[in-house]
Amino acid sequence: MLTVARARQGIAIPIVMGVALCLAVWVGSLSWTMSNSRQRFQRALKARRAYFMARSALQHLFLKMKTFQRQRPEVMLALERASPEEWTTLSRAFIEDVVRPGEPIASYAATYDVAEFRITGRDLEKSQLVIEILAEGTVDGTTETIRRVNRVSR
């Protein structure tokens, strides 16, 4: 009878060790999964912030165009009447003074820029320009771009 009791005592330690090992594996896999989820979330959050910074660049350029349409129609007329050879120079000059926000936006580094602004066509009868815009937004090293083609009337 004594040997049966000792045999039962000896099996308790491997069972406890097995349960402890299973718990350790479960906690480790849960930790790894949560860490990966957090990293994916952080990447997605940076990408969305960068996308909206690029949208800010587009809105900034559209505001500039509306302001010129209303207050400086001669600028829009010069863009419209320029020859296709002059469009590259005028396009570059048009976006040079798109000023990025000066104060920090939040706890992350964010900037936007109009990387490309091209006049791709014009319709003199309707007083319209066809413009192509490439806007970039950058947040903590993550960059998103938006390309738009718009018609702008004088």
Protein backbone atom coordinates (compact mmCIF):
# COMPACT_ATOMS: atom_id res chain seq x y z
CA MET A 1 0.00 0.00 0.00
CA LEU A 2 2.89 2.27 0.67
CA THR A 3 4.18 1.89 -2.89
CA VAL A 4 0.80 2.89 -4.37
CA ALA A 5 0.80 6.11 -2.34
CA ARG A 6 4.34 6.91 -3.47
CA ALA A 7 3.41 6.26 -7.09
CA ARG A 8 0.49 8.70 -6.78
CA GLN A 9 2.72 11.33 -5.19
CA GLY A 10 5.20 11.09 -7.98
CA ILE A 11 2.62 11.78 -10.72
CA ALA A 12 1.47 15.12 -9.23
CA ILE A 13 4.75 16.91 -10.05
CA PRO A 14 4.67 16.12 -13.82
CA ILE A 15 0.98 17.14 -14.00
CA VAL A 16 1.70 20.49 -12.31
CA MET A 17 4.73 21.03 -14.54
CA GLY A 18 2.68 20.19 -17.64
CA VAL A 19 -0.07 22.67 -16.66
CA ALA A 20 2.57 25.34 -15.92
CA LEU A 21 4.19 24.71 -19.32
CA CYS A 22 0.81 24.99 -21.09
CA LEU A 23 0.09 28.26 -19.26
CA ALA A 24 3.54 29.62 -20.17
CA VAL A 25 3.03 28.75 -23.86
CA TRP A 26 -0.43 30.34 -23.82
CA VAL A 27 0.80 33.56 -22.17
CA GLY A 28 3.76 33.73 -24.57
CA SER A 29 1.60 33.30 -27.66
CA LEU A 30 -0.91 35.84 -26.36
CA SER A 31 1.88 38.34 -25.76
CA TRP A 32 3.33 37.75 -29.24
CA THR A 33 -0.11 38.12 -30.88
CA MET A 34 -0.85 41.34 -29.02
CA SER A 35 2.56 42.75 -29.94
CA ASN A 36 1.98 42.01 -33.63
CA SER A 37 -1.51 43.51 -33.47
CA ARG A 38 -0.16 46.66 -31.85
CA GLN A 39 2.54 47.01 -34.53
CA ARG A 40 -0.01 46.55 -37.33
CA PHE A 41 -2.28 49.11 -35.69
CA GLN A 42 0.58 51.61 -35.37
CA ARG A 43 1.52 51.15 -39.05
CA ALA A 44 -2.10 51.57 -40.14
CA LEU A 45 -2.48 54.66 -37.96
CA LYS A 46 0.65 56.25 -39.46
CA ALA A 47 -0.56 55.43 -42.98
CA ARG A 48 -3.96 57.04 -42.32
CA ARG A 49 -2.35 60.11 -40.78
CA ALA A 50 -0.02 60.40 -43.78
CA TYR A 51 -2.99 60.03 -46.14
CA PHE A 52 -4.83 62.87 -44.41
CA MET A 53 -1.69 65.01 -44.51
CA ALA A 54 -1.64 64.46 -48.29
CA ARG A 55 -5.32 65.46 -48.35
CA SER A 56 -4.29 68.62 -46.49
CA ALA A 57 -1.82 69.42 -49.26
CA LEU A 58 -4.59 69.01 -51.85
CA GLN A 59 -6.95 71.24 -49.89
CA HIS A 60 -4.21 73.83 -49.45
CA LEU A 61 -3.63 73.93 -53.20
CA PHE A 62 -7.37 74.08 -53.95
CA LEU A 63 -7.72 76.98 -51.51
CA LYS A 64 -4.88 78.78 -53.25
CA MET A 65 -6.51 78.23 -56.64
CA LYS A 66 -9.90 79.50 -55.41
CA THR A 67 -8.25 82.54 -53.89
CA PHE A 68 -6.47 83.31 -57.16
CA GLN A 69 -9.67 82.75 -59.13
CA ARG A 70 -11.52 85.31 -57.02
CA GLN A 71 -8.86 87.85 -56.07
CA ARG A 72 -6.21 87.53 -58.79
CA PRO A 73 -7.93 86.45 -62.01
CA GLU A 74 -4.92 87.65 -64.01
CA VAL A 75 -2.87 84.77 -62.54
CA MET A 76 -5.40 82.23 -63.76
CA LEU A 77 -5.55 84.01 -67.11
CA ALA A 78 -1.74 83.80 -67.39
CA LEU A 79 -1.87 80.06 -66.66
CA GLU A 80 -4.64 79.59 -69.19
CA ARG A 81 -2.99 81.55 -71.99
CA ALA A 82 0.52 80.20 -71.50
CA SER A 83 1.99 77.96 -74.16
CA PRO A 84 2.50 74.26 -73.30
CA GLU A 85 6.27 74.90 -73.15
CA GLU A 86 5.73 77.46 -70.36
CA TRP A 87 3.42 75.21 -68.31
CA THR A 88 6.26 73.39 -66.56
CA THR A 89 7.83 76.62 -65.33
CA LEU A 90 4.50 78.14 -64.33
CA SER A 91 3.43 74.95 -62.56
CA ARG A 92 6.63 74.88 -60.51
CA ALA A 93 6.25 78.56 -59.63
CA PHE A 94 2.63 78.04 -58.64
CA ILE A 95 3.43 75.49 -55.92
CA GLU A 96 6.67 77.00 -54.58
CA ASP A 97 4.91 78.99 -51.90
CA VAL A 98 2.57 76.29 -50.61
CA VAL A 99 3.74 76.67 -47.03
CA ARG A 100 3.61 73.72 -44.68
CA PRO A 101 2.13 74.23 -41.21
CA GLY A 102 4.69 75.71 -38.84
CA GLU A 103 3.62 74.50 -35.44
CA PRO A 104 3.78 70.87 -34.37
CA ILE A 105 0.54 69.11 -35.14
CA ALA A 106 0.64 66.52 -32.38
CA SER A 107 3.10 64.21 -30.71
CA TYR A 108 4.30 62.96 -34.09
CA ALA A 109 6.28 64.55 -36.91
CA ALA A 110 4.01 65.29 -39.88
CA THR A 111 4.51 67.28 -43.07
CA TYR A 112 2.79 67.67 -46.41
CA ASP A 113 3.86 68.83 -49.81
CA VAL A 114 2.58 69.24 -53.32
CA ALA A 115 5.17 67.10 -55.06
CA GLU A 116 3.89 67.69 -58.57
CA PHE A 117 1.50 70.15 -60.17
CA ARG A 118 1.17 69.98 -63.92
CA ILE A 119 -1.10 71.69 -66.38
CA THR A 120 -2.01 68.93 -68.80
CA GLY A 121 -4.56 70.66 -71.00
CA ARG A 122 -6.79 73.62 -71.57
CA ASP A 123 -10.10 74.48 -73.14
CA LEU A 124 -10.12 78.11 -74.25
CA GLU A 125 -13.81 78.07 -75.19
CA LYS A 126 -14.89 77.12 -71.66
CA SER A 127 -11.94 78.86 -69.91
CA GLN A 128 -10.89 75.64 -68.23
CA LEU A 129 -7.54 74.14 -67.32
CA VAL A 130 -6.91 70.47 -66.72
CA ILE A 131 -4.42 70.07 -63.90
CA GLU A 132 -2.74 67.01 -62.42
CA ILE A 133 -1.71 67.16 -58.77
CA LEU A 134 0.49 64.78 -56.79
CA ALA A 135 0.27 65.45 -53.05
CA GLU A 136 2.45 63.76 -50.43
CA GLY A 137 1.91 63.43 -46.72
CA THR A 138 4.55 62.10 -44.35
CA VAL A 139 4.12 61.02 -40.73
CA ASP A 140 7.06 59.58 -38.79
CA GLY A 141 8.69 58.26 -41.95
CA THR A 142 5.51 56.81 -43.48
CA THR A 143 4.60 58.49 -46.78
CA GLU A 144 1.29 58.41 -48.64
CA THR A 145 0.59 60.03 -51.99
CA ILE A 146 -2.60 61.14 -53.71
CA ARG A 147 -2.83 61.89 -57.42
CA ARG A 148 -5.78 63.92 -58.71
CA VAL A 149 -6.78 65.28 -62.10
CA ASN A 150 -9.12 68.28 -61.90
CA ARG A 151 -10.69 70.80 -64.20
CA VAL A 152 -10.37 74.36 -63.05
CA SER A 153 -12.34 77.18 -64.56
CA ARG A 154 -11.42 80.82 -64.49
